[in-house]
Protein backbone atom coordinates (compact mmCIF):
# COMPACT_ATOMS: atom_id res chain seq x y z
CA UNK A 1 -26.70 -8.43 8.65
CA UNK A 2 -24.04 -10.50 6.66
CA UNK A 3 -20.54 -10.80 8.62
CA UNK A 4 -18.24 -8.26 7.45
CA UNK A 5 -15.53 -10.53 5.08
CA UNK A 6 -12.05 -9.46 5.66
CA UNK A 7 -8.60 -10.56 3.95
CA UNK A 8 -5.22 -10.37 4.53
CA UNK A 9 -3.48 -8.12 1.39
CA UNK A 10 -0.56 -10.88 1.90
CA UNK A 11 -2.80 -13.70 1.54
CA UNK A 12 -4.53 -12.32 -1.67
CA UNK A 13 -1.00 -12.05 -3.01
CA UNK A 14 0.14 -15.46 -2.58
CA UNK A 15 -3.28 -16.65 -3.77
CA UNK A 16 -3.25 -14.59 -6.87
CA UNK A 17 0.67 -15.66 -7.34
CA UNK A 18 -0.85 -19.18 -8.14
CA UNK A 19 -3.39 -18.22 -10.32
CA UNK A 20 -0.80 -16.28 -12.45
CA UNK A 21 1.17 -19.31 -12.28
CA UNK A 22 -1.49 -21.47 -14.17
CA UNK A 23 -1.70 -18.80 -16.52
CA UNK A 24 1.86 -17.78 -17.54
CA UNK A 25 5.27 -19.17 -17.17
CA UNK A 26 7.55 -16.27 -18.04
CA UNK A 27 8.03 -15.24 -14.09
CA UNK A 28 9.83 -16.31 -11.01
CA UNK A 29 9.18 -15.99 -7.54
CA UNK A 30 12.00 -15.14 -4.81
CA UNK A 31 11.66 -15.14 -1.02
CA UNK A 32 14.20 -14.18 1.71
CA UNK A 33 13.01 -17.02 3.94
CA UNK A 34 9.74 -15.96 4.99
CA UNK A 35 7.79 -17.49 2.47
CA UNK A 36 4.98 -18.64 5.22
CA UNK A 37 4.58 -15.33 6.23
CA UNK A 38 4.51 -13.64 2.64
CA UNK A 39 2.42 -16.61 1.73
CA UNK A 40 4.84 -17.16 -1.53
CA UNK A 41 4.87 -20.93 -0.14
CA UNK A 42 1.44 -21.30 -1.94
CA UNK A 43 3.27 -20.58 -5.35
CA UNK A 44 6.25 -23.25 -4.28
CA UNK A 45 4.00 -25.67 -3.43
CA UNK A 46 2.14 -25.54 -7.06
CA UNK A 47 5.27 -25.13 -9.18
CA UNK A 48 8.26 -25.38 -7.24
CA UNK A 49 11.15 -25.04 -10.20
CA UNK A 50 9.94 -21.28 -10.41
CA UNK A 51 10.58 -20.57 -6.53
CA UNK A 52 13.84 -19.92 -5.19
CA UNK A 53 14.44 -19.22 -1.66
CA UNK A 54 17.58 -16.96 -1.06
CA UNK A 55 17.52 -17.07 2.54
CA UNK A 56 18.06 -14.01 5.28
CA UNK A 57 20.04 -11.96 2.55
CA UNK A 58 17.68 -9.46 1.47
CA UNK A 59 20.17 -7.50 -0.34
CA UNK A 60 21.73 -10.88 -2.36
CA UNK A 61 17.90 -11.85 -2.73
CA UNK A 62 17.07 -8.19 -4.90
CA UNK A 63 20.66 -9.02 -6.29
CA UNK A 64 19.63 -12.46 -7.81
CA UNK A 65 16.30 -10.56 -8.70
CA UNK A 66 18.09 -7.95 -10.61
CA UNK A 67 20.23 -10.33 -12.72
CA UNK A 68 17.20 -12.68 -13.91
CA UNK A 69 15.19 -9.76 -14.72
CA UNK A 70 18.47 -8.48 -16.72
CA UNK A 71 18.06 -11.68 -18.84
CA UNK A 72 14.67 -11.04 -19.46
CA UNK A 73 12.58 -12.75 -17.00
CA UNK A 74 9.81 -11.17 -14.63
CA UNK A 75 10.03 -11.26 -11.09
CA UNK A 76 8.41 -10.88 -7.80
CA UNK A 77 10.40 -10.45 -5.06
CA UNK A 78 9.18 -11.09 -1.26
CA UNK A 79 9.99 -10.17 1.79
CA UNK A 80 8.48 -7.92 4.73
CA UNK A 81 8.71 -4.34 4.43
CA UNK A 82 11.12 -3.49 6.47
CA UNK A 83 13.72 -5.40 4.97
CA UNK A 84 12.89 -4.91 1.02
CA UNK A 85 12.36 -1.20 1.76
CA UNK A 86 14.99 -0.71 4.74
CA UNK A 87 17.48 -3.36 4.97
CA UNK A 88 17.82 -3.92 0.77
CA UNK A 89 17.28 0.03 0.20
CA UNK A 90 20.65 0.41 -1.58
CA UNK A 91 20.40 -2.80 -3.88
CA UNK A 92 16.93 -2.06 -4.53
CA UNK A 93 17.91 1.66 -5.79
CA UNK A 94 21.22 0.71 -7.34
CA UNK A 95 20.35 -2.85 -8.97
CA UNK A 96 16.86 -2.70 -9.46
CA UNK A 97 15.88 1.23 -10.02
CA UNK A 98 18.75 2.34 -11.54
CA UNK A 99 18.77 0.09 -14.45
CA UNK A 100 14.94 0.29 -14.90
CA UNK A 101 14.46 -3.40 -14.58
CA UNK A 102 10.93 -5.28 -14.42
CA UNK A 103 10.99 -5.70 -10.81
CA UNK A 104 8.09 -6.41 -8.91
CA UNK A 105 9.15 -5.99 -4.95
CA UNK A 106 6.35 -7.44 -2.92
CA UNK A 107 6.48 -6.21 0.81
CA UNK A 108 4.57 -8.00 3.35
CA UNK A 109 3.84 -7.05 7.03
CA UNK A 110 3.90 -3.03 6.58
CA UNK A 111 2.46 -0.39 8.72
CA UNK A 112 1.81 -0.43 12.50
CA UNK A 113 -0.74 -3.41 12.26
CA UNK A 114 2.18 -6.07 12.05
CA UNK A 115 0.88 -5.55 15.77
CA UNK A 116 2.83 -7.60 18.43
CA UNK A 117 5.62 -7.87 16.58
CA UNK A 118 7.03 -4.55 17.39
CA UNK A 119 9.09 -0.99 16.19
CA UNK A 120 11.68 -3.06 14.35
CA UNK A 121 9.32 -4.94 12.22
CA UNK A 122 6.88 -1.80 11.68
CA UNK A 123 7.95 -0.44 8.84
CA UNK A 124 6.34 3.00 8.55
CA UNK A 125 8.94 4.25 6.18
CA UNK A 126 8.76 2.33 3.41
CA UNK A 127 6.37 4.42 0.81
CA UNK A 128 8.87 7.65 1.82
CA UNK A 129 11.91 5.44 0.68
CA UNK A 130 10.29 3.63 -2.23
CA UNK A 131 8.85 6.86 -3.70
CA UNK A 132 12.06 8.63 -3.22
CA UNK A 133 13.59 6.33 -6.19
CA UNK A 134 13.72 7.45 -9.87
CA UNK A 135 10.69 5.54 -11.98
CA UNK A 136 9.65 3.33 -8.76
CA UNK A 137 6.05 3.00 -8.66
CA UNK A 138 4.53 2.46 -5.27
CA UNK A 139 0.82 0.69 -5.18
CA UNK A 140 -0.77 0.24 -1.68
CA UNK A 141 -3.66 -2.05 -2.04
CA UNK A 142 -7.18 -1.41 0.07
CA UNK A 143 -8.11 -4.87 0.55
CA UNK A 144 -8.34 -8.13 -1.19
CA UNK A 145 -9.87 -7.41 -4.66
CA UNK A 146 -7.44 -4.53 -5.27
CA UNK A 147 -4.43 -6.52 -4.40
CA UNK A 148 -5.11 -9.50 -6.76
CA UNK A 149 -6.00 -6.62 -9.37
CA UNK A 150 -2.57 -4.84 -8.59
CA UNK A 151 -0.72 -7.76 -8.61
CA UNK A 152 -1.71 -8.55 -12.12
CA UNK A 153 -1.04 -5.14 -13.48
CA UNK A 154 2.46 -5.04 -12.08
CA UNK A 155 3.50 -8.06 -13.94
CA UNK A 156 3.20 -6.15 -17.21
CA UNK A 157 4.45 -2.32 -15.83
CA UNK A 158 7.77 -1.36 -17.18
CA UNK A 159 10.40 -0.69 -14.56
CA UNK A 160 10.19 -1.48 -11.25
CA UNK A 161 7.19 -2.08 -8.62
CA UNK A 162 6.56 -1.55 -5.05
CA UNK A 163 3.62 -3.02 -4.09
CA UNK A 164 2.72 -2.74 0.23
CA UNK A 165 0.94 -5.27 1.75
CA UNK A 166 -0.22 -5.71 5.14
CA UNK A 167 -0.55 -8.49 7.92
CA UNK A 168 -3.83 -7.66 8.94
CA UNK A 169 -6.88 -8.86 7.72
CA UNK A 170 -8.56 -6.04 5.96
CA UNK A 171 -12.23 -5.32 4.94
CA UNK A 172 -13.11 -6.39 1.11
CA UNK A 173 -14.81 -2.74 0.07
CA UNK A 174 -14.38 -3.63 -3.77
CA UNK A 175 -16.91 -5.60 -5.90
CA UNK A 176 -14.33 -8.57 -7.19
CA UNK A 177 -16.41 -8.88 -10.51
CA UNK A 178 -16.79 -5.24 -11.20
CA UNK A 179 -13.56 -3.45 -9.82
CA UNK A 180 -11.42 -2.18 -12.58
CA UNK A 181 -8.00 -1.39 -11.27
CA UNK A 182 -5.76 1.20 -13.09
CA UNK A 183 -2.51 1.86 -12.30
CA UNK A 184 -1.74 5.75 -11.41
CA UNK A 185 -5.83 5.91 -11.30
CA UNK A 186 -7.83 7.35 -7.74
CA UNK A 187 -10.85 6.16 -6.97
CA UNK A 188 -13.77 8.21 -5.51
CA UNK A 189 -15.79 5.93 -3.31
CA UNK A 190 -18.01 8.69 -2.08
CA UNK A 191 -19.56 12.32 -3.22
CA UNK A 192 -19.13 14.65 -0.57
CA UNK A 193 -18.84 19.05 -0.93
CA UNK A 194 -17.32 19.73 2.28
CA UNK A 195 -13.86 17.49 2.96
CA UNK A 196 -12.10 15.64 0.97
CA UNK A 197 -10.71 12.49 2.71
CA UNK A 198 -7.43 10.87 0.58
CA UNK A 199 -6.82 7.39 2.02
CA UNK A 200 -4.49 4.70 1.00
CA UNK A 201 -4.21 0.80 1.89
CA UNK A 202 -5.91 -0.05 5.17
CA UNK A 203 -7.29 3.34 5.71
CA UNK A 204 -9.20 3.37 2.87
CA UNK A 205 -11.91 1.12 4.73
CA UNK A 206 -11.16 3.36 7.68
CA UNK A 207 -12.25 6.40 5.59
CA UNK A 208 -15.62 5.02 4.46
CA UNK A 209 -16.55 4.47 7.73
CA UNK A 210 -15.69 7.62 8.94
CA UNK A 211 -17.54 9.37 6.71
CA UNK A 212 -20.63 7.74 7.54
CA UNK A 213 -20.20 8.89 10.95
CA UNK A 214 -19.67 12.02 9.61
CA UNK A 215 -22.59 12.04 7.70
CA UNK A 216 -24.54 11.38 10.53
CA UNK A 217 -23.61 14.34 11.93
CA UNK A 218 -24.10 16.51 8.69
CA UNK A 219 -20.77 16.42 7.47
CA UNK A 220 -20.54 15.38 3.34
CA UNK A 221 -17.27 13.63 2.87
CA UNK A 222 -15.81 12.79 0.13
CA UNK A 223 -13.35 9.53 -0.03
CA UNK A 224 -11.02 9.10 -2.59
CA UNK A 225 -9.16 5.61 -2.18
CA UNK A 226 -5.28 6.37 -3.43
CA UNK A 227 -3.98 2.94 -4.54
CA UNK A 228 -1.28 4.29 -6.54
CA UNK A 229 0.98 6.82 -4.31
CA UNK A 230 3.66 6.96 -7.24
CA UNK A 231 2.35 8.34 -9.81
CA UNK A 232 -0.19 9.95 -7.97
CA UNK A 233 -3.65 10.76 -9.41
CA UNK A 234 -2.60 14.48 -8.98
CA UNK A 235 -6.00 15.84 -11.53
CA UNK A 236 -8.25 13.78 -9.81
CA UNK A 237 -6.68 15.51 -6.08
CA UNK A 238 -6.63 18.86 -7.62
CA UNK A 239 -10.28 18.67 -8.78
CA UNK A 240 -11.79 17.16 -5.67
CA UNK A 241 -9.49 19.96 -3.55
CA UNK A 242 -10.96 22.30 -5.65
CA UNK A 243 -14.37 21.35 -4.74
CA UNK A 244 -14.45 20.52 -1.20
CA UNK A 245 -11.62 23.23 -0.22
CA UNK A 246 -10.39 21.19 2.70
CA UNK A 247 -8.21 17.68 2.66
CA UNK A 248 -7.41 14.99 5.16
CA UNK A 249 -4.76 12.55 4.33
CA UNK A 250 -4.61 9.40 5.74
CA UNK A 251 -2.15 6.60 6.03
CA UNK A 252 -0.77 3.86 7.81
CA UNK A 253 2.70 5.53 7.33
CA UNK A 254 4.42 8.23 8.66
CA UNK A 255 3.26 11.72 7.82
CA UNK A 256 7.00 12.70 6.31
CA UNK A 257 7.41 11.20 3.02
CA UNK A 258 3.98 9.42 2.50
CA UNK A 259 0.58 9.78 1.00
CA UNK A 260 0.31 13.35 2.65
CA UNK A 261 3.05 14.81 1.18
CA UNK A 262 2.43 13.24 -2.18
CA UNK A 263 -0.98 15.04 -1.73
CA UNK A 264 0.58 18.60 -0.40
CA UNK A 265 2.78 18.70 -3.37
CA UNK A 266 0.20 18.01 -6.13
CA UNK A 267 -1.69 20.85 -4.43
CA UNK A 268 1.18 22.96 -4.37
CA UNK A 269 0.15 25.43 -7.27
CA UNK A 270 -3.31 26.34 -5.86
CA UNK A 271 -3.21 25.04 -2.19
CA UNK A 272 -5.85 24.09 0.07
CA UNK A 273 -5.58 23.55 3.97
CA UNK A 274 -4.56 19.66 4.01
CA UNK A 275 -4.19 17.64 7.70
CA UNK A 276 -2.10 14.80 7.58
CA UNK A 277 -3.28 11.57 9.48
CA UNK A 278 -0.78 9.27 10.07
CA UNK A 279 2.28 7.85 12.25
CA UNK A 280 3.33 11.47 13.78
CA UNK A 281 7.26 11.34 13.78
CA UNK A 282 7.59 8.10 16.42
CA UNK A 283 8.11 4.78 16.51
CA UNK A 284 5.36 2.20 16.97
CA UNK A 285 5.44 -0.16 19.94
CA UNK A 286 4.26 -3.87 20.19
CA UNK A 287 0.42 -4.81 21.38
CA UNK A 288 -2.53 -6.20 19.34
CA UNK A 289 -2.95 -4.56 15.67
CA UNK A 290 -6.49 -2.91 16.16
CA UNK A 291 -5.68 -1.73 19.49
CA UNK A 292 -2.30 0.06 18.22
CA UNK A 293 -4.42 1.31 15.41
CA UNK A 294 -6.70 2.91 17.55
CA UNK A 295 -4.06 4.29 19.83
CA UNK A 296 -2.54 5.90 17.06
CA UNK A 297 -5.71 7.47 15.77
CA UNK A 298 -5.88 5.14 12.80
CA UNK A 299 -8.89 3.67 13.01
CA UNK A 300 -12.74 5.06 12.08
CA UNK A 301 -13.06 6.77 14.89
CA UNK A 302 -9.61 8.44 14.99
CA UNK A 303 -10.42 10.35 11.22
CA UNK A 304 -13.34 11.47 12.06
CA UNK A 305 -12.00 12.89 15.22
CA UNK A 306 -9.24 14.63 13.25
CA UNK A 307 -11.95 16.11 10.15
CA UNK A 308 -14.47 17.19 13.16
CA UNK A 309 -11.40 19.37 14.70
CA UNK A 310 -9.96 20.55 11.11
CA UNK A 311 -13.21 21.98 10.24
CA UNK A 312 -13.26 23.75 13.19
CA UNK A 313 -10.26 26.23 12.09
C-alpha cells in the first residue's frame, strides 16, 4: 500500500505564492516577523522587492495592508491565527472590513494542532471572530490541493478574505488535477442516508475515516466538506440534513461561533438534531499535536464515537 501523502497547508500556501508570483505582479506579501513559520519566506527569496516584513507588530501590518489595498494593489497579509484574528482584530475590523478592502489574511498555526506551543498559541476562536466581521469571507482548506486552490481564488475575490491554515501535515484527500474549488460551495465526499457529517479543515480527513469505520458497523454517513465557512453553502447543508435527519459538525475550533453554529443557523427554519464536535469551551494545552487531537476527540475515533452516541438518542 502506498504511503499516505501529508502536507501542511501553510506549506501549500508558501509554495503557491511563489507560483502565483511568477504569473502575476499585481500583489505583494506582508509578514509579521514569522516568514519561516508562515512559509512566506519562499516568496521573499523569489521576489524580495514584493515582500515586506512589518516586524512583531500585527496591528501595524494590517494597517499597512489596508493602505496598499486602498492604493489599488492586492495584498497577502500573513501571521499566526492567534495574532491575525486575536491581536489585530480591531485593525482587521476597522481598517480592512469596514472599507471592504481586497486584503487576503493568511492565518497559519490555527487550532489545537499547533501542539507544543500550548494554549496561548492554539487559536480556537478565530473562525468565530472573523465570521462576525461584515463582508468577511472565511475559508478553511482541508488539504494541500484545496489550500492552493483557495489561495488562487481568494486573490481575485472582492473584499477581505480570511484563510485558516495549519501547522500539522494533513492528508491529501483531493485530486490535484480533477479538483474544482468553488468559493462558497461545499463538497459532498461520501453519500449516506443515516447521518450527515459536516466537517471543515483538518477534520475533513478524520470525518472520511470515521465514515468508513461507521460503514463497517452498518451506519451510512454522508460526509460534506465545508471549505468556505462564510458564506456557508446553506442549500447543500439543508438538503443533506433533510435526507439523513441528523447532522454532526466537526471542526478544530471552539464549538462556540464556528462551523457548528453556522450550520445550526442554516437549519433554524427547518431544524433537525445537530451535535457539534469541537473544542468544548476550554483552552488547549501543550503536547504533541496528534495526541491532543485524540484527547479532545478531534480524530476519526472521536467522531465515530460521537456519531454512534448521537444515533442512540
